[in-house]
Amino acid sequence: MSLEVVQSVPFKYERSAEIDKLLSDYREIVNACIKKLLIELRTTSLKSIHNAMCMELKSKYLYQTSFYVTAYRVAIGVVETWRKRGGEVPEVKKAIREGLSLSL
């Protein structure tokens, strides 16, 4: 069994329109991925969500591919947790505003 070590560093930032747009777009991307995973794909494979969403997201947003991949991973985590717990269909409602961390 191998272990993966992830380090994160909290950092402060000044709120601006640019950061608010970035966080809002990220929330929209995660929610779109959740809907795609639940309605169409019915799988939590990173490859399948990437193949289904990549071109759609690239035509709508102008971010690097790694930005989308992190959103896919968050959406997959949300869907997997929801499947275990049940309840209402998951949706990310708030953008992260405080306590941002940078994973190294």
C-alpha atoms as a PDB file:
ATOM      1  CA  MET A   1       0.000   0.000   0.000  1.00  0.00           C
ATOM      2  CA  SER A   2       1.452   3.353  -0.988  1.00  0.00           C
ATOM      3  CA  LEU A   3       0.695   6.636   0.699  1.00  0.00           C
ATOM      4  CA  GLU A   4       0.504  10.001  -0.982  1.00  0.00           C
ATOM      5  CA  VAL A   5       1.638  13.041   0.969  1.00  0.00           C
ATOM      6  CA  VAL A   6      -0.127  16.317   0.198  1.00  0.00           C
ATOM      7  CA  GLN A   7       1.036  19.577   1.694  1.00  0.00           C
ATOM      8  CA  SER A   8      -1.111  22.660   1.684  1.00  0.00           C
ATOM      9  CA  VAL A   9      -0.241  26.223   2.517  1.00  0.00           C
ATOM     10  CA  PRO A  10      -2.921  28.726   3.545  1.00  0.00           C
ATOM     11  CA  PHE A  11      -2.557  32.150   2.021  1.00  0.00           C
ATOM     12  CA  LYS A  12      -4.355  35.455   2.286  1.00  0.00           C
ATOM     13  CA  TYR A  13      -5.743  37.312  -0.680  1.00  0.00           C
ATOM     14  CA  GLU A  14      -7.537  40.548  -1.295  1.00  0.00           C
ATOM     15  CA  ARG A  15     -11.014  40.106  -2.637  1.00  0.00           C
ATOM     16  CA  SER A  16     -11.418  41.472  -6.138  1.00  0.00           C
ATOM     17  CA  ALA A  17     -13.777  41.120  -9.072  1.00  0.00           C
ATOM     18  CA  GLU A  18     -11.251  38.904 -10.848  1.00  0.00           C
ATOM     19  CA  ILE A  19     -11.011  36.441  -7.940  1.00  0.00           C
ATOM     20  CA  ASP A  20     -14.785  36.459  -7.462  1.00  0.00           C
ATOM     21  CA  LYS A  21     -15.246  35.597 -11.149  1.00  0.00           C
ATOM     22  CA  LEU A  22     -12.682  32.800 -10.912  1.00  0.00           C
ATOM     23  CA  LEU A  23     -14.392  31.263  -7.872  1.00  0.00           C
ATOM     24  CA  SER A  24     -17.844  31.686  -9.407  1.00  0.00           C
ATOM     25  CA  ASP A  25     -16.726  30.004 -12.632  1.00  0.00           C
ATOM     26  CA  TYR A  26     -15.158  27.168 -10.636  1.00  0.00           C
ATOM     27  CA  ARG A  27     -18.432  26.626  -8.755  1.00  0.00           C
ATOM     28  CA  GLU A  28     -20.365  26.578 -12.056  1.00  0.00           C
ATOM     29  CA  ILE A  29     -17.918  24.074 -13.555  1.00  0.00           C
ATOM     30  CA  VAL A  30     -18.158  21.767 -10.531  1.00  0.00           C
ATOM     31  CA  ASN A  31     -21.973  21.897 -10.601  1.00  0.00           C
ATOM     32  CA  ALA A  32     -22.040  21.162 -14.346  1.00  0.00           C
ATOM     33  CA  CYS A  33     -19.751  18.183 -13.772  1.00  0.00           C
ATOM     34  CA  ILE A  34     -21.953  16.894 -10.937  1.00  0.00           C
ATOM     35  CA  LYS A  35     -25.020  17.053 -13.180  1.00  0.00           C
ATOM     36  CA  LYS A  36     -23.177  15.323 -16.027  1.00  0.00           C
ATOM     37  CA  LEU A  37     -21.948  12.571 -13.670  1.00  0.00           C
ATOM     38  CA  LEU A  38     -25.399  11.939 -12.195  1.00  0.00           C
ATOM     39  CA  ILE A  39     -27.635  12.297 -15.249  1.00  0.00           C
ATOM     40  CA  GLU A  40     -25.675  11.150 -18.282  1.00  0.00           C
ATOM     41  CA  LEU A  41     -22.562   9.248 -17.280  1.00  0.00           C
ATOM     42  CA  ARG A  42     -23.578   7.421 -14.099  1.00  0.00           C
ATOM     43  CA  THR A  43     -19.902   6.721 -13.433  1.00  0.00           C
ATOM     44  CA  THR A  44     -17.196   8.448 -11.428  1.00  0.00           C
ATOM     45  CA  SER A  45     -14.332   7.861 -13.824  1.00  0.00           C
ATOM     46  CA  LEU A  46     -12.011  10.829 -14.299  1.00  0.00           C
ATOM     47  CA  LYS A  47     -11.436   9.845 -17.922  1.00  0.00           C
ATOM     48  CA  SER A  48     -15.142   9.642 -18.754  1.00  0.00           C
ATOM     49  CA  ILE A  49     -15.969  13.036 -17.208  1.00  0.00           C
ATOM     50  CA  HIS A  50     -12.961  14.608 -18.962  1.00  0.00           C
ATOM     51  CA  ASN A  51     -14.018  13.186 -22.340  1.00  0.00           C
ATOM     52  CA  ALA A  52     -17.608  14.336 -21.814  1.00  0.00           C
ATOM     53  CA  MET A  53     -16.913  17.845 -20.508  1.00  0.00           C
ATOM     54  CA  CYS A  54     -13.542  19.051 -21.817  1.00  0.00           C
ATOM     55  CA  MET A  55     -14.585  20.592 -25.141  1.00  0.00           C
ATOM     56  CA  GLU A  56     -17.765  22.067 -23.699  1.00  0.00           C
ATOM     57  CA  LEU A  57     -15.835  23.758 -20.893  1.00  0.00           C
ATOM     58  CA  LYS A  58     -13.013  24.960 -23.147  1.00  0.00           C
ATOM     59  CA  SER A  59     -15.513  26.620 -25.476  1.00  0.00           C
ATOM     60  CA  LYS A  60     -17.257  28.393 -22.585  1.00  0.00           C
ATOM     61  CA  TYR A  61     -14.296  29.245 -20.307  1.00  0.00           C
ATOM     62  CA  LEU A  62     -10.697  30.181 -21.033  1.00  0.00           C
ATOM     63  CA  TYR A  63      -8.787  28.337 -18.317  1.00  0.00           C
ATOM     64  CA  GLN A  64      -5.994  25.784 -18.356  1.00  0.00           C
ATOM     65  CA  THR A  65      -6.941  22.115 -18.550  1.00  0.00           C
ATOM     66  CA  SER A  66      -5.594  21.517 -15.035  1.00  0.00           C
ATOM     67  CA  PHE A  67      -8.269  23.903 -13.717  1.00  0.00           C
ATOM     68  CA  TYR A  68     -10.967  21.655 -15.169  1.00  0.00           C
ATOM     69  CA  VAL A  69      -9.301  18.484 -13.882  1.00  0.00           C
ATOM     70  CA  THR A  70      -9.388  19.785 -10.306  1.00  0.00           C
ATOM     71  CA  ALA A  71     -13.081  20.597 -10.770  1.00  0.00           C
ATOM     72  CA  TYR A  72     -13.676  17.047 -12.075  1.00  0.00           C
ATOM     73  CA  ARG A  73     -12.010  15.616  -8.978  1.00  0.00           C
ATOM     74  CA  VAL A  74     -14.090  17.773  -6.643  1.00  0.00           C
ATOM     75  CA  ALA A  75     -17.282  16.768  -8.492  1.00  0.00           C
ATOM     76  CA  ILE A  76     -16.345  13.077  -8.349  1.00  0.00           C
ATOM     77  CA  GLY A  77     -15.733  13.367  -4.599  1.00  0.00           C
ATOM     78  CA  VAL A  78     -19.077  15.090  -4.058  1.00  0.00           C
ATOM     79  CA  VAL A  79     -20.955  12.460  -6.088  1.00  0.00           C
ATOM     80  CA  GLU A  80     -19.226   9.530  -4.362  1.00  0.00           C
ATOM     81  CA  THR A  81     -20.018  10.967  -0.929  1.00  0.00           C
ATOM     82  CA  TRP A  82     -23.615  11.655  -1.967  1.00  0.00           C
ATOM     83  CA  ARG A  83     -24.072   8.085  -3.191  1.00  0.00           C
ATOM     84  CA  LYS A  84     -22.922   6.737   0.182  1.00  0.00           C
ATOM     85  CA  ARG A  85     -25.087   9.105   2.231  1.00  0.00           C
ATOM     86  CA  GLY A  86     -28.077   9.699  -0.033  1.00  0.00           C
ATOM     87  CA  GLY A  87     -30.299  12.735   0.348  1.00  0.00           C
ATOM     88  CA  GLU A  88     -30.946  15.589  -2.045  1.00  0.00           C
ATOM     89  CA  VAL A  89     -29.030  15.890  -5.298  1.00  0.00           C
ATOM     90  CA  PRO A  90     -25.719  17.584  -4.457  1.00  0.00           C
ATOM     91  CA  GLU A  91     -24.910  21.113  -5.559  1.00  0.00           C
ATOM     92  CA  VAL A  92     -22.081  23.470  -4.660  1.00  0.00           C
ATOM     93  CA  LYS A  93     -23.848  26.609  -3.486  1.00  0.00           C
ATOM     94  CA  LYS A  94     -21.064  28.820  -2.165  1.00  0.00           C
ATOM     95  CA  ALA A  95     -17.754  29.798  -3.661  1.00  0.00           C
ATOM     96  CA  ILE A  96     -14.789  29.403  -1.350  1.00  0.00           C
ATOM     97  CA  ARG A  97     -13.997  32.846   0.003  1.00  0.00           C
ATOM     98  CA  GLU A  98     -11.868  32.343   3.115  1.00  0.00           C
ATOM     99  CA  GLY A  99      -9.169  29.902   4.028  1.00  0.00           C
ATOM    100  CA  LEU A 100      -7.933  29.179   0.531  1.00  0.00           C
ATOM    101  CA  SER A 101      -5.024  26.763   0.479  1.00  0.00           C
ATOM    102  CA  LEU A 102      -2.468  25.977  -2.157  1.00  0.00           C
ATOM    103  CA  SER A 103      -1.669  22.277  -2.548  1.00  0.00           C
ATOM    104  CA  LEU A 104       1.943  21.474  -3.236  1.00  0.00           C
END
